[in-house]
């Protein structure tokens, strides 16, 4: 995998570059609708209600791209788990993040950790995302946001943002649902004692957990 461009920058700098490009190119109407959408996530209180640092991480089992069941607690028997949600392969901020996480994967594994990425996308969509980004970690389909619900990281899109997503790329076709619900781009580090050692929770989907910060947490678990 060629990460030469991605790896030369921090995840934050690449995300900020994407934000800046949006500010230049997007119409005022789209900017206003997206800003209102972010405020709606704040108003829904998702960040405050989500599983937090120090909480016990709920167990789950989901199918990976090969149709095999992957259990969180079984993975924790091998070592700590970096658990992250991404909204879908249609999200440029998610693809930037997935690329950085792939680049950091050897460092995570050197600390004995595994990486699990959850998405509400249907399996066919998640497989496409994994292949497109040449991902070597587990990508699990959390269809209908069942596990995201257990972690309380789900929010409902505003009607305006939902319409933008549906008309722009067909969100319901990716997720097999027209309920207009998505997960936060939440990231956790879960210790072998099933407890959350790190929690990145942000109402703004354009902000993501920095791999170097995750790595420091993992080093601290040894």
C-alpha atoms as a PDB file:
ATOM      1  CA  UNK A   1       0.000   0.000   0.000  1.00  0.00           C
ATOM      2  CA  UNK A   2       1.343   3.421  -0.909  1.00  0.00           C
ATOM      3  CA  UNK A   3       0.998   5.688   2.083  1.00  0.00           C
ATOM      4  CA  UNK A   4       3.756   8.103   1.130  1.00  0.00           C
ATOM      5  CA  UNK A   5       1.417  11.069   0.821  1.00  0.00           C
ATOM      6  CA  UNK A   6      -0.704  10.209   3.849  1.00  0.00           C
ATOM      7  CA  UNK A   7       2.170   9.337   6.145  1.00  0.00           C
ATOM      8  CA  UNK A   8       4.028  12.601   5.533  1.00  0.00           C
ATOM      9  CA  UNK A   9       1.319  14.440   7.472  1.00  0.00           C
ATOM     10  CA  UNK A  10      -0.553  13.911  10.702  1.00  0.00           C
ATOM     11  CA  UNK A  11      -4.157  12.814  10.431  1.00  0.00           C
ATOM     12  CA  UNK A  12      -5.185  16.207  11.808  1.00  0.00           C
ATOM     13  CA  UNK A  13      -3.358  18.096   9.080  1.00  0.00           C
ATOM     14  CA  UNK A  14      -4.925  15.971   6.340  1.00  0.00           C
ATOM     15  CA  UNK A  15      -8.390  16.409   7.831  1.00  0.00           C
ATOM     16  CA  UNK A  16      -7.863  20.154   8.126  1.00  0.00           C
ATOM     17  CA  UNK A  17      -6.822  20.322   4.487  1.00  0.00           C
ATOM     18  CA  UNK A  18     -10.060  18.571   3.555  1.00  0.00           C
ATOM     19  CA  UNK A  19     -12.066  21.010   5.691  1.00  0.00           C
ATOM     20  CA  UNK A  20     -10.349  23.972   4.055  1.00  0.00           C
ATOM     21  CA  UNK A  21     -11.139  22.607   0.609  1.00  0.00           C
ATOM     22  CA  UNK A  22     -14.806  22.269   1.569  1.00  0.00           C
ATOM     23  CA  UNK A  23     -14.893  25.868   2.816  1.00  0.00           C
ATOM     24  CA  UNK A  24     -13.556  27.054  -0.518  1.00  0.00           C
ATOM     25  CA  UNK A  25     -15.792  24.963  -2.775  1.00  0.00           C
ATOM     26  CA  UNK A  26     -19.096  24.496  -0.927  1.00  0.00           C
ATOM     27  CA  UNK A  27     -22.028  26.837  -1.382  1.00  0.00           C
ATOM     28  CA  UNK A  28     -23.193  28.988   1.514  1.00  0.00           C
ATOM     29  CA  UNK A  29     -26.431  27.005   1.587  1.00  0.00           C
ATOM     30  CA  UNK A  30     -24.606  23.693   1.993  1.00  0.00           C
ATOM     31  CA  UNK A  31     -22.320  25.153   4.671  1.00  0.00           C
ATOM     32  CA  UNK A  32     -25.348  26.388   6.626  1.00  0.00           C
ATOM     33  CA  UNK A  33     -27.117  23.028   6.397  1.00  0.00           C
ATOM     34  CA  UNK A  34     -24.035  21.122   7.530  1.00  0.00           C
ATOM     35  CA  UNK A  35     -23.417  23.562  10.398  1.00  0.00           C
ATOM     36  CA  UNK A  36     -27.018  23.083  11.530  1.00  0.00           C
ATOM     37  CA  UNK A  37     -26.491  19.334  11.274  1.00  0.00           C
ATOM     38  CA  UNK A  38     -23.464  19.469  13.569  1.00  0.00           C
ATOM     39  CA  UNK A  39     -25.381  21.582  16.065  1.00  0.00           C
ATOM     40  CA  UNK A  40     -28.178  19.008  16.016  1.00  0.00           C
ATOM     41  CA  UNK A  41     -25.708  16.287  17.058  1.00  0.00           C
ATOM     42  CA  UNK A  42     -24.636  18.472  19.978  1.00  0.00           C
ATOM     43  CA  UNK A  43     -28.262  19.122  20.900  1.00  0.00           C
ATOM     44  CA  UNK A  44     -29.023  15.383  20.877  1.00  0.00           C
ATOM     45  CA  UNK A  45     -26.444  14.941  23.655  1.00  0.00           C
ATOM     46  CA  UNK A  46     -24.831  11.932  22.014  1.00  0.00           C
ATOM     47  CA  UNK A  47     -21.286  12.707  23.147  1.00  0.00           C
ATOM     48  CA  UNK A  48     -22.317  13.001  26.798  1.00  0.00           C
ATOM     49  CA  UNK A  49     -24.453   9.848  26.732  1.00  0.00           C
ATOM     50  CA  UNK A  50     -21.916   7.633  24.953  1.00  0.00           C
ATOM     51  CA  UNK A  51     -19.767   5.005  26.642  1.00  0.00           C
ATOM     52  CA  UNK A  52     -16.979   6.974  28.327  1.00  0.00           C
ATOM     53  CA  UNK A  53     -13.448   6.559  29.628  1.00  0.00           C
ATOM     54  CA  UNK A  54     -13.545   4.167  32.593  1.00  0.00           C
ATOM     55  CA  UNK A  55     -16.771   2.449  31.519  1.00  0.00           C
ATOM     56  CA  UNK A  56     -17.040  -1.250  30.779  1.00  0.00           C
ATOM     57  CA  UNK A  57     -17.167  -1.900  27.031  1.00  0.00           C
ATOM     58  CA  UNK A  58     -20.209  -3.973  26.004  1.00  0.00           C
ATOM     59  CA  UNK A  59     -19.372  -7.211  24.230  1.00  0.00           C
ATOM     60  CA  UNK A  60     -20.565  -7.843  20.687  1.00  0.00           C
ATOM     61  CA  UNK A  61     -20.202 -10.220  17.770  1.00  0.00           C
ATOM     62  CA  UNK A  62     -20.361  -9.041  14.175  1.00  0.00           C
ATOM     63  CA  UNK A  63     -19.489 -10.522  10.800  1.00  0.00           C
ATOM     64  CA  UNK A  64     -16.324  -9.457   9.020  1.00  0.00           C
ATOM     65  CA  UNK A  65     -15.827  -9.084   5.267  1.00  0.00           C
ATOM     66  CA  UNK A  66     -15.407 -12.862   4.926  1.00  0.00           C
ATOM     67  CA  UNK A  67     -18.661 -13.551   6.771  1.00  0.00           C
ATOM     68  CA  UNK A  68     -16.851 -14.807   9.866  1.00  0.00           C
ATOM     69  CA  UNK A  69     -18.041 -13.814  13.325  1.00  0.00           C
ATOM     70  CA  UNK A  70     -15.726 -11.532  15.294  1.00  0.00           C
ATOM     71  CA  UNK A  71     -16.307 -11.111  19.031  1.00  0.00           C
ATOM     72  CA  UNK A  72     -14.890  -8.189  20.991  1.00  0.00           C
ATOM     73  CA  UNK A  73     -14.242 -10.169  24.150  1.00  0.00           C
ATOM     74  CA  UNK A  74     -12.590 -12.975  22.185  1.00  0.00           C
ATOM     75  CA  UNK A  75     -10.304 -10.419  20.536  1.00  0.00           C
ATOM     76  CA  UNK A  76      -9.487  -8.983  23.959  1.00  0.00           C
ATOM     77  CA  UNK A  77      -8.104 -12.364  25.008  1.00  0.00           C
ATOM     78  CA  UNK A  78      -5.299 -11.682  22.500  1.00  0.00           C
ATOM     79  CA  UNK A  79      -4.583  -8.106  23.584  1.00  0.00           C
ATOM     80  CA  UNK A  80      -6.072  -4.603  23.783  1.00  0.00           C
ATOM     81  CA  UNK A  81      -8.498  -3.522  21.070  1.00  0.00           C
ATOM     82  CA  UNK A  82      -8.702  -0.223  19.221  1.00  0.00           C
ATOM     83  CA  UNK A  83     -12.396   0.070  18.387  1.00  0.00           C
ATOM     84  CA  UNK A  84     -13.449   2.724  15.911  1.00  0.00           C
ATOM     85  CA  UNK A  85     -16.566   3.668  13.990  1.00  0.00           C
ATOM     86  CA  UNK A  86     -16.592   5.165  10.535  1.00  0.00           C
ATOM     87  CA  UNK A  87     -19.657   6.479   8.761  1.00  0.00           C
ATOM     88  CA  UNK A  88     -19.051   4.847   5.387  1.00  0.00           C
ATOM     89  CA  UNK A  89     -16.855   4.611   2.330  1.00  0.00           C
ATOM     90  CA  UNK A  90     -18.748   7.581   0.890  1.00  0.00           C
ATOM     91  CA  UNK A  91     -17.261   9.839   3.600  1.00  0.00           C
ATOM     92  CA  UNK A  92     -13.932  11.415   2.557  1.00  0.00           C
ATOM     93  CA  UNK A  93     -12.988  12.126   6.169  1.00  0.00           C
ATOM     94  CA  UNK A  94     -13.511   8.438   6.965  1.00  0.00           C
ATOM     95  CA  UNK A  95     -11.321   7.322   4.069  1.00  0.00           C
ATOM     96  CA  UNK A  96      -8.537   9.675   5.157  1.00  0.00           C
ATOM     97  CA  UNK A  97      -8.816   8.267   8.683  1.00  0.00           C
ATOM     98  CA  UNK A  98      -8.882   4.646   7.556  1.00  0.00           C
ATOM     99  CA  UNK A  99      -5.715   5.219   5.530  1.00  0.00           C
ATOM    100  CA  UNK A 100      -3.923   6.677   8.550  1.00  0.00           C
ATOM    101  CA  UNK A 101      -5.127   3.839  10.762  1.00  0.00           C
ATOM    102  CA  UNK A 102      -3.819   1.319   8.241  1.00  0.00           C
ATOM    103  CA  UNK A 103      -0.454   3.080   8.280  1.00  0.00           C
ATOM    104  CA  UNK A 104      -0.403   2.935  12.093  1.00  0.00           C
ATOM    105  CA  UNK A 105      -1.496  -0.710  12.252  1.00  0.00           C
ATOM    106  CA  UNK A 106       2.048  -2.163  12.554  1.00  0.00           C
ATOM    107  CA  UNK A 107       2.684   0.140  15.528  1.00  0.00           C
ATOM    108  CA  UNK A 108      -0.585  -0.926  17.157  1.00  0.00           C
ATOM    109  CA  UNK A 109       0.256  -4.581  16.619  1.00  0.00           C
ATOM    110  CA  UNK A 110       3.724  -4.055  18.076  1.00  0.00           C
ATOM    111  CA  UNK A 111       1.906  -3.177  21.306  1.00  0.00           C
ATOM    112  CA  UNK A 112      -0.118  -6.396  21.061  1.00  0.00           C
ATOM    113  CA  UNK A 113      -3.299  -4.574  20.000  1.00  0.00           C
ATOM    114  CA  UNK A 114      -5.877  -5.345  17.337  1.00  0.00           C
ATOM    115  CA  UNK A 115      -7.956  -2.810  15.404  1.00  0.00           C
ATOM    116  CA  UNK A 116     -11.664  -3.290  14.728  1.00  0.00           C
ATOM    117  CA  UNK A 117     -13.550  -0.832  12.521  1.00  0.00           C
ATOM    118  CA  UNK A 118     -17.353  -0.759  12.651  1.00  0.00           C
ATOM    119  CA  UNK A 119     -19.600   0.788  10.020  1.00  0.00           C
ATOM    120  CA  UNK A 120     -23.360   0.854   9.402  1.00  0.00           C
ATOM    121  CA  UNK A 121     -22.695  -0.009   5.758  1.00  0.00           C
ATOM    122  CA  UNK A 122     -24.035  -3.239   4.324  1.00  0.00           C
ATOM    123  CA  UNK A 123     -21.384  -5.975   3.964  1.00  0.00           C
ATOM    124  CA  UNK A 124     -20.976  -5.426   0.212  1.00  0.00           C
ATOM    125  CA  UNK A 125     -20.306  -1.743   0.811  1.00  0.00           C
ATOM    126  CA  UNK A 126     -17.900  -2.390   3.670  1.00  0.00           C
ATOM    127  CA  UNK A 127     -15.970  -4.921   1.570  1.00  0.00           C
ATOM    128  CA  UNK A 128     -15.632  -2.311  -1.172  1.00  0.00           C
ATOM    129  CA  UNK A 129     -14.347   0.224   1.350  1.00  0.00           C
ATOM    130  CA  UNK A 130     -11.837  -2.246   2.789  1.00  0.00           C
ATOM    131  CA  UNK A 131     -10.553  -3.178  -0.663  1.00  0.00           C
ATOM    132  CA  UNK A 132     -10.380   0.416  -1.864  1.00  0.00           C
ATOM    133  CA  UNK A 133      -8.295   1.415   1.141  1.00  0.00           C
ATOM    134  CA  UNK A 134      -6.272  -1.837   1.201  1.00  0.00           C
ATOM    135  CA  UNK A 135      -7.170  -2.358   4.836  1.00  0.00           C
ATOM    136  CA  UNK A 136      -5.528  -5.187   6.758  1.00  0.00           C
ATOM    137  CA  UNK A 137      -7.681  -4.895   9.882  1.00  0.00           C
ATOM    138  CA  UNK A 138     -11.180  -6.171  10.541  1.00  0.00           C
ATOM    139  CA  UNK A 139     -14.021  -4.131   9.018  1.00  0.00           C
ATOM    140  CA  UNK A 140     -17.321  -5.149  10.619  1.00  0.00           C
ATOM    141  CA  UNK A 141     -20.816  -4.325   9.382  1.00  0.00           C
ATOM    142  CA  UNK A 142     -22.963  -2.949  12.182  1.00  0.00           C
ATOM    143  CA  UNK A 143     -26.136  -2.915  10.095  1.00  0.00           C
ATOM    144  CA  UNK A 144     -28.910  -0.794  11.632  1.00  0.00           C
ATOM    145  CA  UNK A 145     -26.354   0.520  14.151  1.00  0.00           C
ATOM    146  CA  UNK A 146     -27.133  -2.212  16.674  1.00  0.00           C
ATOM    147  CA  UNK A 147     -23.729  -2.124  18.393  1.00  0.00           C
ATOM    148  CA  UNK A 148     -23.478   1.645  18.010  1.00  0.00           C
ATOM    149  CA  UNK A 149     -26.775   1.809  19.906  1.00  0.00           C
ATOM    150  CA  UNK A 150     -25.256  -0.254  22.727  1.00  0.00           C
ATOM    151  CA  UNK A 151     -22.382   2.213  22.908  1.00  0.00           C
ATOM    152  CA  UNK A 152     -24.850   5.144  22.610  1.00  0.00           C
ATOM    153  CA  UNK A 153     -22.942   6.761  19.739  1.00  0.00           C
ATOM    154  CA  UNK A 154     -25.830   6.995  17.262  1.00  0.00           C
ATOM    155  CA  UNK A 155     -27.441  10.244  16.148  1.00  0.00           C
ATOM    156  CA  UNK A 156     -30.191  11.211  13.712  1.00  0.00           C
ATOM    157  CA  UNK A 157     -29.406  13.404  10.720  1.00  0.00           C
ATOM    158  CA  UNK A 158     -31.358  16.589  10.165  1.00  0.00           C
ATOM    159  CA  UNK A 159     -33.798  16.467   7.258  1.00  0.00           C
ATOM    160  CA  UNK A 160     -31.591  18.831   5.257  1.00  0.00           C
ATOM    161  CA  UNK A 161     -28.384  16.813   5.696  1.00  0.00           C
ATOM    162  CA  UNK A 162     -30.252  13.587   5.104  1.00  0.00           C
ATOM    163  CA  UNK A 163     -31.542  14.968   1.789  1.00  0.00           C
ATOM    164  CA  UNK A 164     -28.042  16.119   0.808  1.00  0.00           C
ATOM    165  CA  UNK A 165     -26.651  12.643   1.484  1.00  0.00           C
ATOM    166  CA  UNK A 166     -29.493  10.850  -0.254  1.00  0.00           C
ATOM    167  CA  UNK A 167     -29.400  13.041  -3.340  1.00  0.00           C
ATOM    168  CA  UNK A 168     -25.615  13.204  -3.395  1.00  0.00           C
ATOM    169  CA  UNK A 169     -24.677   9.528  -3.174  1.00  0.00           C
ATOM    170  CA  UNK A 170     -27.648   7.494  -1.957  1.00  0.00           C
ATOM    171  CA  UNK A 171     -26.994   6.913   1.748  1.00  0.00           C
ATOM    172  CA  UNK A 172     -29.872   4.456   2.135  1.00  0.00           C
ATOM    173  CA  UNK A 173     -28.388   2.199  -0.560  1.00  0.00           C
ATOM    174  CA  UNK A 174     -25.092   2.009   1.365  1.00  0.00           C
ATOM    175  CA  UNK A 175     -26.795   1.199   4.653  1.00  0.00           C
ATOM    176  CA  UNK A 176     -29.846  -0.721   3.499  1.00  0.00           C
ATOM    177  CA  UNK A 177     -31.949   1.632   5.607  1.00  0.00           C
ATOM    178  CA  UNK A 178     -33.593   5.009   5.203  1.00  0.00           C
ATOM    179  CA  UNK A 179     -33.762   5.792   8.928  1.00  0.00           C
ATOM    180  CA  UNK A 180     -31.251   8.643   8.580  1.00  0.00           C
ATOM    181  CA  UNK A 181     -29.125   7.516  11.524  1.00  0.00           C
ATOM    182  CA  UNK A 182     -25.329   7.403  11.692  1.00  0.00           C
ATOM    183  CA  UNK A 183     -22.704   6.768  14.367  1.00  0.00           C
ATOM    184  CA  UNK A 184     -20.274   9.305  15.720  1.00  0.00           C
ATOM    185  CA  UNK A 185     -16.727   8.813  14.474  1.00  0.00           C
ATOM    186  CA  UNK A 186     -15.972   7.422  17.934  1.00  0.00           C
ATOM    187  CA  UNK A 187     -12.732   5.655  18.814  1.00  0.00           C
ATOM    188  CA  UNK A 188     -11.991   3.645  21.945  1.00  0.00           C
ATOM    189  CA  UNK A 189      -9.050   1.762  23.344  1.00  0.00           C
ATOM    190  CA  UNK A 190     -10.331  -1.185  25.360  1.00  0.00           C
ATOM    191  CA  UNK A 191      -8.115  -3.049  27.781  1.00  0.00           C
ATOM    192  CA  UNK A 192      -8.075  -6.776  28.346  1.00  0.00           C
ATOM    193  CA  UNK A 193     -10.113  -6.166  31.503  1.00  0.00           C
ATOM    194  CA  UNK A 194     -12.954  -4.970  29.195  1.00  0.00           C
ATOM    195  CA  UNK A 195     -12.620  -1.394  30.479  1.00  0.00           C
ATOM    196  CA  UNK A 196     -12.360   1.697  28.268  1.00  0.00           C
ATOM    197  CA  UNK A 197      -8.854   3.167  28.577  1.00  0.00           C
ATOM    198  CA  UNK A 198      -9.319   5.919  25.984  1.00  0.00           C
ATOM    199  CA  UNK A 199     -12.384   7.483  24.421  1.00  0.00           C
ATOM    200  CA  UNK A 200     -12.458   9.904  21.510  1.00  0.00           C
ATOM    201  CA  UNK A 201     -15.949  11.378  21.158  1.00  0.00           C
ATOM    202  CA  UNK A 202     -16.732  14.457  19.083  1.00  0.00           C
ATOM    203  CA  UNK A 203     -19.988  15.781  17.637  1.00  0.00           C
ATOM    204  CA  UNK A 204     -18.063  16.954  14.564  1.00  0.00           C
ATOM    205  CA  UNK A 205     -17.434  14.000  12.238  1.00  0.00           C
ATOM    206  CA  UNK A 206     -14.498  15.870  10.705  1.00  0.00           C
ATOM    207  CA  UNK A 207     -12.509  15.470  13.931  1.00  0.00           C
ATOM    208  CA  UNK A 208     -10.897  12.086  14.529  1.00  0.00           C
ATOM    209  CA  UNK A 209      -8.617  10.322  17.004  1.00  0.00           C
ATOM    210  CA  UNK A 210      -4.956  10.795  16.117  1.00  0.00           C
ATOM    211  CA  UNK A 211      -3.147   7.443  15.692  1.00  0.00           C
ATOM    212  CA  UNK A 212      -0.091   8.720  17.596  1.00  0.00           C
ATOM    213  CA  UNK A 213      -2.313   9.504  20.592  1.00  0.00           C
ATOM    214  CA  UNK A 214      -3.844   6.031  20.440  1.00  0.00           C
ATOM    215  CA  UNK A 215      -0.359   4.522  20.306  1.00  0.00           C
ATOM    216  CA  UNK A 216       0.696   6.363  23.462  1.00  0.00           C
ATOM    217  CA  UNK A 217      -2.338   4.947  25.271  1.00  0.00           C
ATOM    218  CA  UNK A 218      -1.453   1.442  24.135  1.00  0.00           C
ATOM    219  CA  UNK A 219       2.133   1.865  25.318  1.00  0.00           C
ATOM    220  CA  UNK A 220       0.795   2.899  28.704  1.00  0.00           C
ATOM    221  CA  UNK A 221      -1.112  -0.362  29.059  1.00  0.00           C
ATOM    222  CA  UNK A 222       2.060  -2.451  29.121  1.00  0.00           C
END
